[in-house]
N, C-alpha and C. Protein backbone atom coordinates (compact mmCIF):
# COMPACT_ATOMS: atom_id res chain seq x y z
N MET A 1 0.84 -1.17 0.00
CA MET A 1 0.00 0.00 0.00
C MET A 1 0.89 1.24 0.00
N SER A 2 0.52 2.20 -0.80
CA SER A 2 1.34 3.40 -0.93
C SER A 2 1.08 4.36 0.23
N SER A 3 2.03 5.25 0.43
CA SER A 3 1.87 6.26 1.48
C SER A 3 0.70 7.19 1.16
N SER A 4 0.39 7.37 -0.12
CA SER A 4 -0.76 8.20 -0.51
C SER A 4 -2.06 7.58 -0.01
N GLU A 5 -2.18 6.27 -0.15
CA GLU A 5 -3.39 5.58 0.31
C GLU A 5 -3.50 5.64 1.83
N VAL A 6 -2.40 5.44 2.51
CA VAL A 6 -2.41 5.50 3.98
C VAL A 6 -2.78 6.90 4.44
N ALA A 7 -2.18 7.91 3.83
CA ALA A 7 -2.46 9.30 4.22
C ALA A 7 -3.92 9.65 4.01
N CYS A 8 -4.49 9.25 2.89
CA CYS A 8 -5.89 9.57 2.61
C CYS A 8 -6.83 8.80 3.53
N THR A 9 -6.49 7.56 3.83
CA THR A 9 -7.31 6.77 4.74
C THR A 9 -7.32 7.40 6.13
N LEU A 10 -6.15 7.75 6.62
CA LEU A 10 -6.07 8.34 7.95
C LEU A 10 -6.74 9.72 7.98
N ALA A 11 -6.62 10.49 6.92
CA ALA A 11 -7.31 11.78 6.85
C ALA A 11 -8.82 11.59 6.90
N ALA A 12 -9.33 10.60 6.18
CA ALA A 12 -10.77 10.31 6.20
C ALA A 12 -11.22 9.89 7.59
N LEU A 13 -10.41 9.10 8.28
CA LEU A 13 -10.75 8.69 9.65
C LEU A 13 -10.74 9.88 10.60
N ILE A 14 -9.80 10.79 10.42
CA ILE A 14 -9.75 12.00 11.26
C ILE A 14 -10.99 12.84 11.04
N LEU A 15 -11.36 13.05 9.79
CA LEU A 15 -12.56 13.82 9.48
C LEU A 15 -13.79 13.17 10.10
N HIS A 16 -13.90 11.87 9.94
CA HIS A 16 -15.04 11.14 10.51
C HIS A 16 -15.08 11.29 12.02
N ASP A 17 -13.93 11.13 12.66
CA ASP A 17 -13.85 11.21 14.11
C ASP A 17 -14.27 12.59 14.62
N ASP A 18 -13.98 13.63 13.84
CA ASP A 18 -14.36 14.99 14.23
C ASP A 18 -15.77 15.36 13.77
N GLY A 19 -16.46 14.44 13.13
CA GLY A 19 -17.83 14.70 12.68
C GLY A 19 -17.92 15.63 11.48
N ILE A 20 -16.84 15.71 10.72
CA ILE A 20 -16.78 16.58 9.55
C ILE A 20 -17.07 15.74 8.31
N PRO A 21 -17.93 16.22 7.42
CA PRO A 21 -18.19 15.47 6.19
C PRO A 21 -16.90 15.17 5.43
N ILE A 22 -16.79 13.95 4.92
CA ILE A 22 -15.58 13.52 4.22
C ILE A 22 -15.72 13.90 2.75
N THR A 23 -14.91 14.87 2.33
CA THR A 23 -14.90 15.31 0.94
C THR A 23 -13.46 15.26 0.43
N ALA A 24 -13.33 15.26 -0.87
CA ALA A 24 -12.00 15.24 -1.48
C ALA A 24 -11.20 16.47 -1.06
N GLU A 25 -11.85 17.62 -1.00
CA GLU A 25 -11.16 18.85 -0.64
C GLU A 25 -10.64 18.79 0.80
N LYS A 26 -11.45 18.25 1.70
CA LYS A 26 -11.04 18.20 3.10
C LYS A 26 -9.94 17.16 3.32
N ILE A 27 -10.03 16.04 2.61
CA ILE A 27 -8.95 15.05 2.69
C ILE A 27 -7.65 15.68 2.18
N ALA A 28 -7.73 16.35 1.04
CA ALA A 28 -6.54 16.99 0.47
C ALA A 28 -5.96 18.04 1.41
N THR A 29 -6.82 18.79 2.07
CA THR A 29 -6.36 19.83 3.01
C THR A 29 -5.61 19.21 4.18
N LEU A 30 -6.15 18.14 4.75
CA LEU A 30 -5.48 17.47 5.87
C LEU A 30 -4.14 16.88 5.45
N VAL A 31 -4.12 16.24 4.30
CA VAL A 31 -2.89 15.62 3.81
C VAL A 31 -1.83 16.70 3.56
N LYS A 32 -2.24 17.81 2.97
CA LYS A 32 -1.31 18.91 2.71
C LYS A 32 -0.80 19.51 4.02
N ALA A 33 -1.69 19.64 5.01
CA ALA A 33 -1.29 20.18 6.32
C ALA A 33 -0.27 19.27 7.01
N ALA A 34 -0.35 17.97 6.72
CA ALA A 34 0.60 17.01 7.28
C ALA A 34 1.89 16.98 6.48
N ASN A 35 1.96 17.80 5.44
CA ASN A 35 3.14 17.89 4.58
C ASN A 35 3.45 16.55 3.89
N ILE A 36 2.38 15.90 3.43
CA ILE A 36 2.52 14.64 2.70
C ILE A 36 2.06 14.89 1.27
N LYS A 37 2.87 14.48 0.33
CA LYS A 37 2.51 14.64 -1.08
C LYS A 37 1.79 13.39 -1.56
N VAL A 38 0.60 13.61 -2.14
CA VAL A 38 -0.17 12.50 -2.71
C VAL A 38 -0.57 12.87 -4.13
N GLU A 39 -0.78 11.85 -4.93
CA GLU A 39 -1.26 12.09 -6.28
C GLU A 39 -2.65 12.73 -6.17
N ALA A 40 -2.96 13.63 -7.07
CA ALA A 40 -4.18 14.44 -7.00
C ALA A 40 -5.47 13.62 -7.01
N TYR A 41 -5.45 12.41 -7.57
CA TYR A 41 -6.68 11.63 -7.69
C TYR A 41 -7.05 10.89 -6.40
N TRP A 42 -6.11 10.66 -5.47
CA TRP A 42 -6.40 9.87 -4.28
C TRP A 42 -7.49 10.45 -3.39
N PRO A 43 -7.45 11.74 -3.03
CA PRO A 43 -8.51 12.26 -2.16
C PRO A 43 -9.91 12.07 -2.75
N GLY A 44 -10.05 12.28 -4.04
CA GLY A 44 -11.35 12.09 -4.70
C GLY A 44 -11.81 10.65 -4.67
N LEU A 45 -10.89 9.72 -4.88
CA LEU A 45 -11.25 8.30 -4.84
C LEU A 45 -11.72 7.89 -3.45
N PHE A 46 -11.03 8.34 -2.42
CA PHE A 46 -11.42 7.99 -1.06
C PHE A 46 -12.76 8.62 -0.69
N ALA A 47 -12.95 9.87 -1.08
CA ALA A 47 -14.22 10.54 -0.79
C ALA A 47 -15.37 9.83 -1.48
N LYS A 48 -15.16 9.43 -2.72
CA LYS A 48 -16.20 8.73 -3.49
C LYS A 48 -16.49 7.35 -2.87
N LEU A 49 -15.46 6.66 -2.43
CA LEU A 49 -15.63 5.35 -1.80
C LEU A 49 -16.50 5.45 -0.56
N LEU A 50 -16.31 6.50 0.22
CA LEU A 50 -17.02 6.64 1.49
C LEU A 50 -18.34 7.38 1.38
N GLU A 51 -18.62 7.92 0.22
CA GLU A 51 -19.85 8.69 0.00
C GLU A 51 -21.08 7.83 0.27
N GLY A 52 -21.93 8.28 1.18
CA GLY A 52 -23.17 7.58 1.46
C GLY A 52 -23.01 6.30 2.26
N ARG A 53 -21.83 6.06 2.81
CA ARG A 53 -21.59 4.86 3.60
C ARG A 53 -21.32 5.25 5.05
N SER A 54 -21.64 4.37 5.94
CA SER A 54 -21.38 4.59 7.35
C SER A 54 -19.96 4.13 7.67
N VAL A 55 -19.11 5.08 8.01
CA VAL A 55 -17.72 4.74 8.34
C VAL A 55 -17.69 3.90 9.62
N ASP A 56 -18.58 4.20 10.57
CA ASP A 56 -18.65 3.39 11.80
C ASP A 56 -18.95 1.94 11.47
N ASP A 57 -19.94 1.70 10.62
CA ASP A 57 -20.27 0.33 10.23
C ASP A 57 -19.11 -0.34 9.50
N LEU A 58 -18.44 0.42 8.66
CA LEU A 58 -17.30 -0.12 7.93
C LEU A 58 -16.20 -0.55 8.89
N ILE A 59 -15.89 0.29 9.84
CA ILE A 59 -14.84 -0.03 10.80
C ILE A 59 -15.22 -1.23 11.65
N LEU A 60 -16.46 -1.26 12.13
CA LEU A 60 -16.89 -2.33 13.02
C LEU A 60 -17.08 -3.67 12.32
N SER A 61 -17.33 -3.66 11.02
CA SER A 61 -17.62 -4.90 10.32
C SER A 61 -16.41 -5.52 9.63
N VAL A 62 -15.27 -4.86 9.66
CA VAL A 62 -14.10 -5.36 8.93
C VAL A 62 -13.73 -6.77 9.35
N GLY A 63 -13.69 -7.04 10.64
CA GLY A 63 -13.28 -8.36 11.10
C GLY A 63 -14.43 -9.28 11.45
N SER A 64 -15.68 -8.83 11.27
CA SER A 64 -16.82 -9.62 11.72
C SER A 64 -17.22 -10.73 10.77
N GLY A 65 -16.83 -10.63 9.52
CA GLY A 65 -17.20 -11.66 8.55
C GLY A 65 -18.58 -11.46 7.97
N LYS A 66 -19.32 -10.46 8.43
CA LYS A 66 -20.64 -10.21 7.84
C LYS A 66 -20.63 -8.86 7.12
N SER A 67 -20.46 -8.91 5.85
CA SER A 67 -20.39 -7.67 5.08
C SER A 67 -21.63 -7.46 4.22
N SER A 68 -22.62 -8.33 4.37
CA SER A 68 -23.80 -8.21 3.51
C SER A 68 -24.59 -6.94 3.77
N SER A 69 -24.49 -6.37 4.97
CA SER A 69 -25.23 -5.15 5.26
C SER A 69 -24.54 -3.91 4.70
N LEU A 70 -23.29 -4.04 4.28
CA LEU A 70 -22.56 -2.91 3.75
C LEU A 70 -22.44 -3.01 2.23
N PRO A 71 -22.58 -1.88 1.55
CA PRO A 71 -22.44 -1.90 0.10
C PRO A 71 -20.98 -1.80 -0.32
N LEU A 72 -20.09 -2.41 0.42
CA LEU A 72 -18.67 -2.38 0.09
C LEU A 72 -18.20 -3.75 -0.35
N SER A 73 -17.28 -3.77 -1.25
CA SER A 73 -16.72 -5.04 -1.69
C SER A 73 -15.73 -5.54 -0.66
N SER A 74 -15.42 -6.82 -0.73
CA SER A 74 -14.45 -7.37 0.21
C SER A 74 -13.09 -6.72 0.03
N SER A 75 -12.78 -6.28 -1.19
CA SER A 75 -11.49 -5.62 -1.40
C SER A 75 -11.45 -4.27 -0.70
N SER A 76 -12.59 -3.57 -0.62
CA SER A 76 -12.64 -2.31 0.12
C SER A 76 -12.40 -2.54 1.59
N CYS A 77 -13.04 -3.56 2.13
CA CYS A 77 -12.84 -3.89 3.55
C CYS A 77 -11.40 -4.30 3.79
N SER A 78 -10.84 -5.05 2.87
CA SER A 78 -9.44 -5.47 3.00
C SER A 78 -8.52 -4.26 2.97
N LEU A 79 -8.85 -3.29 2.15
CA LEU A 79 -8.04 -2.07 2.05
C LEU A 79 -8.01 -1.36 3.40
N VAL A 80 -9.17 -1.17 4.00
CA VAL A 80 -9.23 -0.47 5.29
C VAL A 80 -8.49 -1.26 6.36
N LEU A 81 -8.70 -2.58 6.39
CA LEU A 81 -8.03 -3.42 7.38
C LEU A 81 -6.51 -3.35 7.21
N SER A 82 -6.03 -3.42 5.98
CA SER A 82 -4.58 -3.39 5.77
C SER A 82 -4.00 -2.03 6.14
N VAL A 83 -4.75 -0.95 5.92
CA VAL A 83 -4.28 0.38 6.32
C VAL A 83 -4.15 0.46 7.83
N LEU A 84 -5.15 -0.06 8.53
CA LEU A 84 -5.09 -0.03 9.98
C LEU A 84 -3.94 -0.88 10.50
N GLU A 85 -3.73 -2.04 9.90
CA GLU A 85 -2.62 -2.91 10.30
C GLU A 85 -1.28 -2.23 10.04
N GLU A 86 -1.16 -1.60 8.87
CA GLU A 86 0.10 -0.93 8.52
C GLU A 86 0.37 0.24 9.46
N ALA A 87 -0.67 0.98 9.80
CA ALA A 87 -0.50 2.11 10.72
C ALA A 87 -0.04 1.61 12.09
N LYS A 88 -0.58 0.48 12.54
CA LYS A 88 -0.18 -0.09 13.82
C LYS A 88 1.29 -0.52 13.77
N GLU A 89 1.68 -1.18 12.68
CA GLU A 89 3.06 -1.62 12.53
C GLU A 89 4.02 -0.43 12.50
N GLU A 90 3.62 0.64 11.81
CA GLU A 90 4.47 1.82 11.73
C GLU A 90 4.62 2.47 13.09
N SER A 91 3.56 2.48 13.90
CA SER A 91 3.67 3.08 15.22
C SER A 91 4.58 2.24 16.10
N ASP A 92 4.56 0.91 15.95
CA ASP A 92 5.48 0.04 16.68
C ASP A 92 6.92 0.31 16.23
N ASP A 93 7.11 0.50 14.92
CA ASP A 93 8.44 0.76 14.38
C ASP A 93 8.99 2.08 14.91
N ASP A 94 8.12 3.06 15.09
CA ASP A 94 8.56 4.37 15.59
C ASP A 94 9.15 4.25 16.99
N MET A 95 8.68 3.29 17.77
CA MET A 95 9.19 3.11 19.12
C MET A 95 10.46 2.29 19.15
N GLY A 96 10.81 1.66 18.03
CA GLY A 96 12.02 0.89 17.96
C GLY A 96 11.85 -0.56 18.39
N PHE A 97 10.65 -0.95 18.72
CA PHE A 97 10.39 -2.34 19.08
C PHE A 97 8.95 -2.68 18.79
N SER A 98 8.67 -3.96 18.82
CA SER A 98 7.30 -4.43 18.64
C SER A 98 6.99 -5.38 19.79
N LEU A 99 5.80 -5.30 20.29
CA LEU A 99 5.40 -6.17 21.39
C LEU A 99 5.34 -7.63 20.98
N PHE A 100 5.28 -7.87 19.67
CA PHE A 100 5.11 -9.25 19.19
C PHE A 100 6.38 -9.82 18.60
N ASP A 101 7.50 -9.17 18.75
CA ASP A 101 8.79 -9.68 18.24
C ASP A 101 9.40 -10.67 19.22
C-alpha cells in the first residue's frame, strides 16, 4: 500500500472522528497540512468510496465476517483493514520495538 493511500485513509478517519463530512477537498487539506505529497486523484477516490456509507459500520464490520449489510466489496474492507494494520506496525516501528517480536 502506498503512502498516498495510507495518508488519505487516515485523513478520512480523522474527518469522521471529528464529525466533519468527508470530501475530497477536506482530505486533500489534511494531507497537505501534514506535509505529505499525494497524487491528485487519491482524495477524490477515497471521498467517493465513502460517500453515502457509514464509516462506523465499515470499521466495526471489517473483522466480523458479515459484510452483507454494507455496500462495500471485500477488497474495500481489506483495504481499510490493511491500512489499519500498517499504521499499527508503523507506530510500533517508531518506538524501535514491537510487542510481538
